[in-house]
Amino acid sequence: MFRSTQTTPESKSGIPVLFVLMLKSNPGGLTTYKKGGHFLTADYRFKRVFGIVLDSIGIGEAPDAAKFADAGADTLGHIGEFWQGKFNVPNLVKLGLGNIRTDAPILGAEPIDAPIGYYGKMFEISAGKDSMDGHWEMMGLPVTKPLGFFPNGFPEKLIKKIEDFSGRQVIVNKPYSGTEIIHDYGEEQMKTGALIVYTSGDSVLQIAAHTDIIPLEELYRICEYARSITIDEYHVGRVIARPYSGPDKDHFVRSSDRHDYTLEPTEPTDLDRLKEAGFDVLGVGKINDIFSGHGITQGWHTTSNMDGMDKTIAAADQDFTGFCFTNLVDFDAMYGHRRNAQGDGEALMAFDERLGELLPKLNDDDLLIITADHGNDPTYTGTDHTREYVPLVVYSPSTGTGSLGIRSPFSDFGATVLDNFKVAGNGVGKSFLAQLQ
């Protein structure tokens, strides 16, 4: 796992400055660059593609929602209803978000007559509804083998291995809310030095520990071990380190030093294909963790949605050639799982304001794609992800507007990025590049 994949001079934002050496101009206006030992000929439409994943912001139940016990889930629609007309995301609406749904408009994000972007929605074909499934499918690798789920906690044999390796007792070992578990068991963990192990409706094994009791590096080492023993037999999608701090149960807070240890991609993804072809692939937020560092040329950990947008906007100020892939996780981690429609709406409106800062920085040869990886309806029963369509909003200053329709699989996203850069894919997704006129 990696926090950063390269060391280069940094700007004031903390984003390393990217260097591309121009060699010569070819007849016909094509420019050849040397990048990482590769020669890139700039005959593609867009020099930079920005992809932003609004983690868990679904837009209505998917065709197979009932199979996942998610009938009626509608993250965006129910956020709009909760806010009773006060939900306001003018930049997303301007790009076409509201035009995705004309039959059941989102309150506060209704259709407009003249959006400036392209719009549609996608549904996934992967076996699950986790972030890993969604992101891998976006990049050409649908997850067809179901991940392991543990609604009654993890097998005693697995827990014993973690205890033996760490020299610490494991407590709880059952599905639990991440904030509630440190409230209910955090003080016990501090007194005993035990590991709080828990899961959810997703394929995750999470280990929580107070940073004053178990240092970060020790917690990471334990999680790395847990990752190594949960691949083949248990097929756990993610092992997550969940450090927390604070003096007592009423003041415990989860740290931004969370670290995800995902399964290694089983095959090359579109990120690998871009990197192999010599393009920059920038991962912002948990992108680097989701792909276990594969296909990323530079990656940056983020502490919040706003930090993620800071780094994305800083990347837009740089001259690079390739794909900047951002995940904004607060919608999911802070609000969706906690069933907090108030916070989810506030976070979307805060993102929309930052989107207003990003849009003026986009050049005619830039492309922006905004989507989500799954739903997590903050008004739904339980605390888990919901199987939903995800929005698809696409914009460039040089293109027009129109509907991209209903698309499946999510891999159409990655196929479009590859198509733009003239990189061959695996045929899973269908590019919509030609529709962007």
Protein backbone atom coordinates (compact mmCIF):
# COMPACT_ATOMS: atom_id res chain seq x y z
CA MET A 1 0.00 0.00 0.00
CA PHE A 2 1.16 3.47 -0.73
CA ARG A 3 0.55 6.99 0.49
CA SER A 4 2.49 8.49 -2.38
CA THR A 5 4.05 6.80 -5.35
CA GLN A 6 6.63 9.38 -6.36
CA THR A 7 8.71 12.11 -4.78
CA THR A 8 8.94 15.32 -6.75
CA PRO A 9 9.16 19.05 -5.99
CA GLU A 10 5.94 20.27 -4.42
CA SER A 11 3.79 23.35 -4.92
CA LYS A 12 2.30 25.28 -2.00
CA SER A 13 -0.74 23.00 -2.14
CA GLY A 14 1.37 19.96 -1.38
CA ILE A 15 0.79 18.53 -4.85
CA PRO A 16 4.06 17.52 -6.54
CA VAL A 17 4.82 19.54 -9.64
CA LEU A 18 4.59 17.43 -12.80
CA PHE A 19 7.19 17.66 -15.51
CA VAL A 20 6.74 16.82 -19.19
CA LEU A 21 9.61 17.35 -21.63
CA MET A 22 8.49 18.58 -25.06
CA LEU A 23 10.76 17.27 -27.77
CA LYS A 24 9.42 18.53 -31.08
CA SER A 25 6.38 19.53 -33.08
CA ASN A 26 5.33 17.30 -35.94
CA PRO A 27 3.73 18.38 -39.22
CA GLY A 28 -0.01 18.67 -38.94
CA GLY A 29 0.11 20.22 -35.47
CA LEU A 30 0.83 17.02 -33.53
CA THR A 31 3.24 17.38 -30.63
CA THR A 32 5.49 14.58 -29.38
CA TYR A 33 6.43 14.39 -25.71
CA LYS A 34 8.84 12.16 -23.85
CA LYS A 35 7.25 10.90 -20.65
CA GLY A 36 8.73 8.13 -18.52
CA GLY A 37 10.57 6.61 -21.46
CA HIS A 38 7.48 6.74 -23.68
CA PHE A 39 6.83 9.03 -26.63
CA LEU A 40 3.31 10.47 -26.58
CA THR A 41 1.79 12.02 -29.68
CA ALA A 42 -0.90 14.54 -28.80
CA ASP A 43 -3.59 13.56 -31.32
CA TYR A 44 -6.25 13.04 -28.66
CA ARG A 45 -9.18 15.38 -28.03
CA PHE A 46 -8.55 16.06 -24.37
CA LYS A 47 -5.11 16.50 -22.85
CA ARG A 48 -6.41 16.12 -19.30
CA VAL A 49 -9.38 14.14 -18.01
CA PHE A 50 -10.65 14.73 -14.47
CA GLY A 51 -12.85 12.08 -12.89
CA ILE A 52 -14.57 12.85 -9.58
CA VAL A 53 -16.38 10.10 -7.67
CA LEU A 54 -18.98 11.38 -5.21
CA ASP A 55 -18.68 8.31 -3.02
CA SER A 56 -22.15 6.76 -2.37
CA ILE A 57 -24.26 9.45 -4.07
CA GLY A 58 -26.73 7.23 -5.93
CA ILE A 59 -29.69 8.44 -7.95
CA GLY A 60 -32.41 5.84 -7.45
CA GLU A 61 -32.82 2.10 -7.12
CA ALA A 62 -30.96 -0.01 -9.67
CA PRO A 63 -32.80 -2.61 -11.77
CA ASP A 64 -31.54 -5.35 -9.43
CA ALA A 65 -32.05 -3.42 -6.17
CA ALA A 66 -34.57 -5.91 -4.81
CA LYS A 67 -31.95 -8.67 -5.04
CA PHE A 68 -29.89 -6.65 -2.56
CA ALA A 69 -32.91 -5.78 -0.37
CA ASP A 70 -32.59 -2.16 -1.51
CA ALA A 71 -35.93 -1.58 -3.24
CA GLY A 72 -36.90 2.09 -3.06
CA ALA A 73 -33.40 3.37 -2.24
CA ASP A 74 -32.77 6.85 -3.68
CA THR A 75 -29.85 8.73 -2.16
CA LEU A 76 -30.13 12.01 -4.09
CA GLY A 77 -33.91 12.00 -4.24
CA HIS A 78 -34.32 11.44 -0.53
CA ILE A 79 -31.68 14.04 0.34
CA GLY A 80 -33.67 16.54 -1.72
CA GLU A 81 -36.89 15.56 0.06
CA PHE A 82 -35.24 15.86 3.47
CA TRP A 83 -34.11 19.40 2.70
CA GLN A 84 -37.64 20.44 1.66
CA GLY A 85 -36.64 22.82 -1.12
CA LYS A 86 -33.50 24.18 0.56
CA PHE A 87 -31.14 21.79 -1.24
CA ASN A 88 -29.11 23.98 -3.60
CA VAL A 89 -26.40 22.69 -5.97
CA PRO A 90 -26.40 25.25 -8.81
CA ASN A 91 -23.16 24.14 -10.46
CA LEU A 92 -24.20 20.49 -10.66
CA VAL A 93 -27.60 21.57 -11.95
CA LYS A 94 -25.94 23.80 -14.55
CA LEU A 95 -23.94 20.81 -15.77
CA GLY A 96 -27.09 18.72 -16.12
CA LEU A 97 -27.55 16.76 -12.88
CA GLY A 98 -31.25 17.56 -12.66
CA ASN A 99 -31.86 16.56 -16.27
CA ILE A 100 -30.98 12.96 -15.46
CA ARG A 101 -34.40 12.63 -13.83
CA THR A 102 -37.30 14.31 -15.54
CA ASP A 103 -39.95 11.78 -14.43
CA ALA A 104 -39.25 12.16 -10.70
CA PRO A 105 -37.28 15.41 -10.29
CA ILE A 106 -34.89 15.81 -7.38
CA LEU A 107 -36.25 18.51 -5.10
CA GLY A 108 -33.73 21.36 -5.30
CA ALA A 109 -32.04 19.90 -8.39
CA GLU A 110 -34.80 19.97 -10.97
CA PRO A 111 -34.23 19.79 -14.75
CA ILE A 112 -33.33 23.02 -16.55
CA ASP A 113 -33.88 24.08 -20.15
CA ALA A 114 -30.26 24.65 -21.14
CA PRO A 115 -27.66 22.63 -19.20
CA ILE A 116 -24.08 23.09 -20.38
CA GLY A 117 -22.96 19.47 -19.98
CA TYR A 118 -23.90 15.92 -20.86
CA TYR A 119 -25.87 13.80 -18.43
CA GLY A 120 -27.05 10.25 -17.87
CA LYS A 121 -26.90 7.46 -15.32
CA MET A 122 -25.17 4.10 -14.99
CA PHE A 123 -25.79 0.82 -13.22
CA GLU A 124 -23.20 -1.77 -12.34
CA ILE A 125 -22.92 -5.44 -13.10
CA SER A 126 -20.51 -6.37 -10.30
CA ALA A 127 -21.56 -8.93 -7.72
CA GLY A 128 -21.46 -6.43 -4.86
CA LYS A 129 -22.12 -2.80 -4.00
CA ASP A 130 -18.85 -1.86 -2.33
CA SER A 131 -16.45 0.94 -3.26
CA MET A 132 -13.97 -1.60 -4.58
CA ASP A 133 -16.58 -3.18 -6.86
CA GLY A 134 -17.67 0.21 -8.18
CA HIS A 135 -14.23 1.68 -8.82
CA TRP A 136 -12.78 -1.48 -10.35
CA GLU A 137 -15.78 -1.75 -12.65
CA MET A 138 -15.35 1.90 -13.69
CA MET A 139 -11.84 1.02 -14.78
CA GLY A 140 -12.78 -2.04 -16.82
CA LEU A 141 -12.71 -4.77 -14.16
CA PRO A 142 -16.18 -5.81 -12.95
CA VAL A 143 -16.06 -7.97 -9.83
CA THR A 144 -17.82 -11.20 -10.74
CA LYS A 145 -16.80 -13.33 -7.75
CA PRO A 146 -18.88 -12.38 -4.70
CA LEU A 147 -16.85 -11.01 -1.83
CA GLY A 148 -17.05 -12.55 1.62
CA PHE A 149 -19.63 -11.16 4.05
CA PHE A 150 -19.78 -11.84 7.77
CA PRO A 151 -23.15 -10.81 9.25
CA ASN A 152 -22.43 -12.81 12.42
CA GLY A 153 -18.81 -11.77 12.82
CA PHE A 154 -15.60 -13.44 11.67
CA PRO A 155 -14.75 -17.12 12.25
CA GLU A 156 -12.95 -17.89 15.50
CA LYS A 157 -10.04 -19.38 13.53
CA LEU A 158 -9.42 -16.04 11.82
CA ILE A 159 -9.74 -14.05 15.05
CA LYS A 160 -7.26 -16.38 16.77
CA LYS A 161 -4.68 -15.75 14.04
CA ILE A 162 -5.01 -11.98 14.51
CA GLU A 163 -4.67 -12.36 18.29
CA ASP A 164 -1.61 -14.59 17.97
CA PHE A 165 0.09 -12.25 15.51
CA SER A 166 -0.63 -9.04 17.43
CA GLY A 167 -0.30 -10.38 20.97
CA ARG A 168 -3.55 -8.57 21.74
CA GLN A 169 -7.06 -9.73 22.54
CA VAL A 170 -9.84 -9.09 20.00
CA ILE A 171 -13.13 -7.68 21.27
CA VAL A 172 -16.61 -7.17 19.74
CA ASN A 173 -16.29 -9.09 16.41
CA LYS A 174 -19.71 -8.31 14.98
CA PRO A 175 -21.36 -5.81 12.63
CA TYR A 176 -21.36 -2.32 14.12
CA SER A 177 -21.44 1.36 13.27
CA GLY A 178 -17.93 2.79 13.28
CA THR A 179 -18.84 5.78 15.45
CA GLU A 180 -21.04 3.80 17.82
CA ILE A 181 -18.45 1.10 18.37
CA ILE A 182 -15.80 3.48 19.68
CA HIS A 183 -18.42 5.10 21.90
CA ASP A 184 -19.49 1.72 23.30
CA TYR A 185 -16.11 -0.06 23.44
CA GLY A 186 -13.45 2.65 23.06
CA GLU A 187 -12.80 3.04 26.78
CA GLU A 188 -12.53 -0.73 27.23
CA GLN A 189 -10.01 -0.80 24.40
CA MET A 190 -7.94 1.88 26.13
CA LYS A 191 -7.96 -0.01 29.44
CA THR A 192 -7.14 -3.45 28.01
CA GLY A 193 -5.10 -2.65 24.90
CA ALA A 194 -7.37 -4.95 22.91
CA LEU A 195 -8.22 -4.64 19.23
CA ILE A 196 -11.76 -3.64 18.31
CA VAL A 197 -12.62 -5.81 15.31
CA TYR A 198 -15.92 -5.30 13.51
CA THR A 199 -17.60 -5.50 10.13
CA SER A 200 -20.69 -4.12 8.37
CA GLY A 201 -22.99 -5.09 5.54
CA ASP A 202 -20.00 -4.60 3.22
CA SER A 203 -17.10 -6.97 2.74
CA VAL A 204 -14.84 -5.31 5.30
CA LEU A 205 -12.78 -6.26 8.32
CA GLN A 206 -12.17 -3.12 10.37
CA ILE A 207 -9.76 -2.77 13.28
CA ALA A 208 -10.13 0.22 15.59
CA ALA A 209 -7.63 1.31 18.24
CA HIS A 210 -6.88 4.47 20.20
CA THR A 211 -3.71 6.12 18.94
CA ASP A 212 -2.41 6.62 22.51
CA ILE A 213 -2.65 2.87 23.14
CA ILE A 214 -1.68 1.35 19.81
CA PRO A 215 0.58 3.53 17.62
CA LEU A 216 -0.40 3.97 14.00
CA GLU A 217 2.47 1.92 12.63
CA GLU A 218 1.55 -1.02 14.86
CA LEU A 219 -2.11 -0.78 13.82
CA TYR A 220 -1.08 -0.66 10.16
CA ARG A 221 1.20 -3.67 10.63
CA ILE A 222 -1.66 -5.67 12.18
CA CYS A 223 -4.00 -4.67 9.36
CA GLU A 224 -1.41 -5.65 6.76
CA TYR A 225 -1.26 -9.08 8.37
CA ALA A 226 -5.05 -9.32 8.49
CA ARG A 227 -5.10 -8.43 4.81
CA SER A 228 -2.63 -11.21 4.01
CA ILE A 229 -4.75 -13.94 5.65
CA THR A 230 -8.17 -12.86 4.32
CA ILE A 231 -7.58 -13.09 0.58
CA ASP A 232 -8.16 -16.64 -0.64
CA GLU A 233 -10.15 -18.37 2.07
CA TYR A 234 -12.31 -15.45 3.20
CA HIS A 235 -12.19 -13.13 0.17
CA VAL A 236 -12.66 -9.98 2.26
CA GLY A 237 -12.85 -6.92 0.02
CA ARG A 238 -11.10 -4.49 2.36
CA VAL A 239 -9.27 -4.46 5.66
CA ILE A 240 -9.48 -0.99 7.18
CA ALA A 241 -7.35 0.54 9.93
CA ARG A 242 -9.61 2.78 12.05
CA PRO A 243 -7.52 4.82 14.50
CA TYR A 244 -9.33 7.14 16.90
CA SER A 245 -8.39 9.64 19.58
CA GLY A 246 -9.93 11.61 22.43
CA PRO A 247 -10.12 11.46 26.23
CA ASP A 248 -13.37 9.52 26.72
CA LYS A 249 -16.36 7.97 24.97
CA ASP A 250 -18.17 11.28 24.65
CA HIS A 251 -15.21 12.87 22.89
CA PHE A 252 -13.73 10.07 20.79
CA VAL A 253 -13.19 11.00 17.13
CA ARG A 254 -12.02 8.86 14.24
CA SER A 255 -8.69 9.94 12.80
CA SER A 256 -8.06 10.93 9.19
CA ASP A 257 -5.22 8.38 9.27
CA ARG A 258 -7.64 5.64 8.24
CA HIS A 259 -5.95 3.24 5.82
CA ASP A 260 -7.65 0.81 3.43
CA TYR A 261 -6.01 -2.45 2.38
CA THR A 262 -7.89 -3.77 -0.62
CA LEU A 263 -7.58 -6.92 -2.63
CA GLU A 264 -5.06 -6.67 -5.44
CA PRO A 265 -6.80 -6.20 -8.80
CA THR A 266 -7.11 -9.65 -10.37
CA GLU A 267 -6.31 -8.31 -13.85
CA PRO A 268 -4.94 -5.07 -15.31
CA THR A 269 -7.33 -2.13 -15.07
CA ASP A 270 -7.68 0.89 -17.32
CA LEU A 271 -5.38 2.73 -14.92
CA ASP A 272 -2.64 0.19 -15.63
CA ARG A 273 -3.22 0.60 -19.36
CA LEU A 274 -2.89 4.38 -19.16
CA LYS A 275 0.23 4.18 -17.04
CA GLU A 276 1.81 1.59 -19.32
CA ALA A 277 1.13 3.87 -22.30
CA GLY A 278 3.08 6.63 -20.57
CA PHE A 279 0.29 8.88 -19.33
CA ASP A 280 0.05 10.54 -15.93
CA VAL A 281 -2.45 8.81 -13.64
CA LEU A 282 -3.08 10.91 -10.53
CA GLY A 283 -5.00 9.35 -7.64
CA VAL A 284 -6.62 11.69 -5.11
CA GLY A 285 -8.17 10.34 -1.91
CA LYS A 286 -8.64 6.61 -1.46
CA ILE A 287 -8.08 5.84 -5.18
CA ASN A 288 -4.56 4.64 -4.45
CA ASP A 289 -5.83 2.32 -1.71
CA ILE A 290 -8.71 0.94 -3.79
CA PHE A 291 -6.34 -0.13 -6.56
CA SER A 292 -3.52 -1.12 -4.15
CA GLY A 293 -1.25 1.36 -5.91
CA HIS A 294 -1.61 -0.34 -9.29
CA GLY A 295 -1.76 1.98 -12.29
CA ILE A 296 -1.10 5.13 -10.27
CA THR A 297 1.83 7.38 -11.15
CA GLN A 298 1.22 9.80 -8.26
CA GLY A 299 -1.17 9.43 -5.35
CA TRP A 300 -2.27 11.70 -2.50
CA HIS A 301 -4.03 10.77 0.71
CA THR A 302 -6.75 13.22 1.72
CA THR A 303 -8.30 14.07 5.08
CA SER A 304 -11.73 15.24 3.89
CA ASN A 305 -13.84 16.16 0.86
CA MET A 306 -12.51 19.69 1.02
CA ASP A 307 -8.92 18.46 1.09
CA GLY A 308 -9.75 16.26 -1.90
CA MET A 309 -11.08 19.25 -3.80
CA ASP A 310 -8.04 21.32 -2.77
CA LYS A 311 -5.79 18.72 -4.36
CA THR A 312 -7.97 18.31 -7.45
CA ILE A 313 -8.07 22.07 -8.02
CA ALA A 314 -4.29 22.23 -7.48
CA ALA A 315 -3.86 19.49 -10.09
CA ALA A 316 -5.94 21.57 -12.51
CA ASP A 317 -3.37 24.33 -12.13
CA GLN A 318 -0.63 22.00 -13.37
CA ASP A 319 0.42 20.92 -16.82
CA PHE A 320 0.00 17.16 -17.05
CA THR A 321 -1.14 14.75 -19.72
CA GLY A 322 -3.47 12.02 -18.57
CA PHE A 323 -6.10 11.24 -15.97
CA CYS A 324 -6.74 12.74 -12.52
CA PHE A 325 -9.03 10.38 -10.55
CA THR A 326 -10.54 11.72 -7.31
CA ASN A 327 -12.65 10.02 -4.66
CA LEU A 328 -14.56 12.16 -2.15
CA VAL A 329 -15.39 9.76 0.67
CA ASP A 330 -17.11 11.93 3.30
CA PHE A 331 -20.55 11.47 1.72
CA ASP A 332 -20.26 7.76 2.48
CA ALA A 333 -18.12 7.54 5.60
CA MET A 334 -19.42 10.57 7.48
CA TYR A 335 -23.07 10.72 6.44
CA GLY A 336 -24.37 7.78 4.41
CA HIS A 337 -23.46 5.02 6.85
CA ARG A 338 -24.56 7.21 9.74
CA ARG A 339 -27.92 7.85 8.05
CA ASN A 340 -27.41 11.59 8.29
CA ALA A 341 -29.39 13.24 5.47
CA GLN A 342 -28.71 16.68 6.92
CA GLY A 343 -24.94 16.18 6.71
CA ASP A 344 -25.11 14.51 3.30
CA GLY A 345 -26.97 17.50 1.87
CA GLU A 346 -24.58 19.97 3.47
CA ALA A 347 -21.60 18.06 2.07
CA LEU A 348 -23.08 18.05 -1.44
CA MET A 349 -23.69 21.79 -1.29
CA ALA A 350 -20.14 22.35 -0.02
CA PHE A 351 -18.81 20.24 -2.90
CA ASP A 352 -20.90 22.23 -5.35
CA GLU A 353 -19.26 25.45 -4.16
CA ARG A 354 -15.82 23.95 -4.74
CA LEU A 355 -16.94 22.68 -8.14
CA GLY A 356 -17.56 26.34 -8.92
CA GLU A 357 -13.84 26.95 -8.30
CA LEU A 358 -12.76 24.05 -10.51
CA LEU A 359 -14.89 24.77 -13.58
CA PRO A 360 -13.18 28.06 -14.58
CA LYS A 361 -9.81 26.30 -14.51
CA LEU A 362 -10.84 23.79 -17.20
CA ASN A 363 -9.47 24.45 -20.68
CA ASP A 364 -11.05 23.54 -23.99
CA ASP A 365 -8.89 20.41 -24.05
CA ASP A 366 -9.96 19.30 -20.55
CA LEU A 367 -12.79 16.88 -19.78
CA LEU A 368 -14.60 16.49 -16.44
CA ILE A 369 -16.57 13.35 -15.53
CA ILE A 370 -18.56 13.27 -12.28
CA THR A 371 -20.16 10.05 -11.06
CA ALA A 372 -20.51 7.78 -8.00
CA ASP A 373 -19.53 4.23 -7.07
CA HIS A 374 -22.77 3.06 -5.40
CA GLY A 375 -25.58 4.46 -3.28
CA ASN A 376 -25.89 4.93 0.48
CA ASP A 377 -29.34 6.37 1.08
CA PRO A 378 -29.15 8.28 4.40
CA THR A 379 -32.89 7.78 4.95
CA TYR A 380 -32.87 4.02 4.33
CA THR A 381 -33.05 1.23 6.91
CA GLY A 382 -29.80 -0.18 8.27
CA THR A 383 -26.37 1.37 7.82
CA ASP A 384 -25.11 -0.19 4.61
CA HIS A 385 -24.64 0.77 0.96
CA THR A 386 -27.67 0.70 -1.32
CA ARG A 387 -27.77 -0.74 -4.85
CA GLU A 388 -28.57 2.25 -7.07
CA TYR A 389 -28.03 3.91 -10.39
CA VAL A 390 -25.24 6.46 -10.20
CA PRO A 391 -25.27 9.89 -11.87
CA LEU A 392 -23.10 10.59 -14.89
CA VAL A 393 -22.30 14.25 -15.57
CA VAL A 394 -19.74 15.14 -18.24
CA TYR A 395 -18.45 18.59 -19.19
CA SER A 396 -15.83 20.36 -21.26
CA PRO A 397 -15.80 24.02 -22.31
CA SER A 398 -15.38 22.78 -25.89
CA THR A 399 -18.40 20.44 -26.04
CA GLY A 400 -22.13 20.85 -26.23
CA THR A 401 -24.87 19.23 -24.19
CA GLY A 402 -27.19 16.26 -24.37
CA SER A 403 -28.28 12.99 -22.85
CA LEU A 404 -25.91 10.03 -22.53
CA GLY A 405 -28.86 7.83 -21.57
CA ILE A 406 -28.75 4.83 -19.27
CA ARG A 407 -25.43 3.04 -19.44
CA SER A 408 -24.06 -0.23 -18.13
CA PRO A 409 -21.57 -1.30 -16.98
CA PHE A 410 -19.69 1.41 -15.10
CA SER A 411 -16.79 0.48 -17.39
CA ASP A 412 -18.10 2.92 -20.01
CA PHE A 413 -16.32 5.56 -17.90
CA GLY A 414 -12.87 4.00 -18.24
CA ALA A 415 -13.47 3.04 -21.86
CA THR A 416 -14.09 6.71 -22.64
CA VAL A 417 -10.84 7.78 -20.99
CA LEU A 418 -8.90 5.12 -22.92
CA ASP A 419 -10.62 6.06 -26.16
CA ASN A 420 -9.58 9.67 -25.71
CA PHE A 421 -5.92 8.75 -25.25
CA LYS A 422 -5.92 6.14 -28.05
CA VAL A 423 -5.16 3.32 -25.61
CA ALA A 424 -6.62 -0.13 -26.26
CA GLY A 425 -8.95 -1.54 -23.61
CA ASN A 426 -10.37 -4.97 -22.85
CA GLY A 427 -13.73 -4.40 -24.52
CA VAL A 428 -15.80 -4.47 -21.32
CA GLY A 429 -17.08 -0.89 -21.55
CA LYS A 430 -18.34 1.21 -24.44
CA SER A 431 -16.88 4.68 -24.91
CA PHE A 432 -19.22 7.66 -25.10
CA LEU A 433 -16.44 9.96 -26.39
CA ALA A 434 -18.01 10.22 -29.86
CA GLN A 435 -21.25 11.49 -28.31
CA LEU A 436 -19.48 14.52 -26.86
CA GLN A 437 -19.90 16.97 -29.72
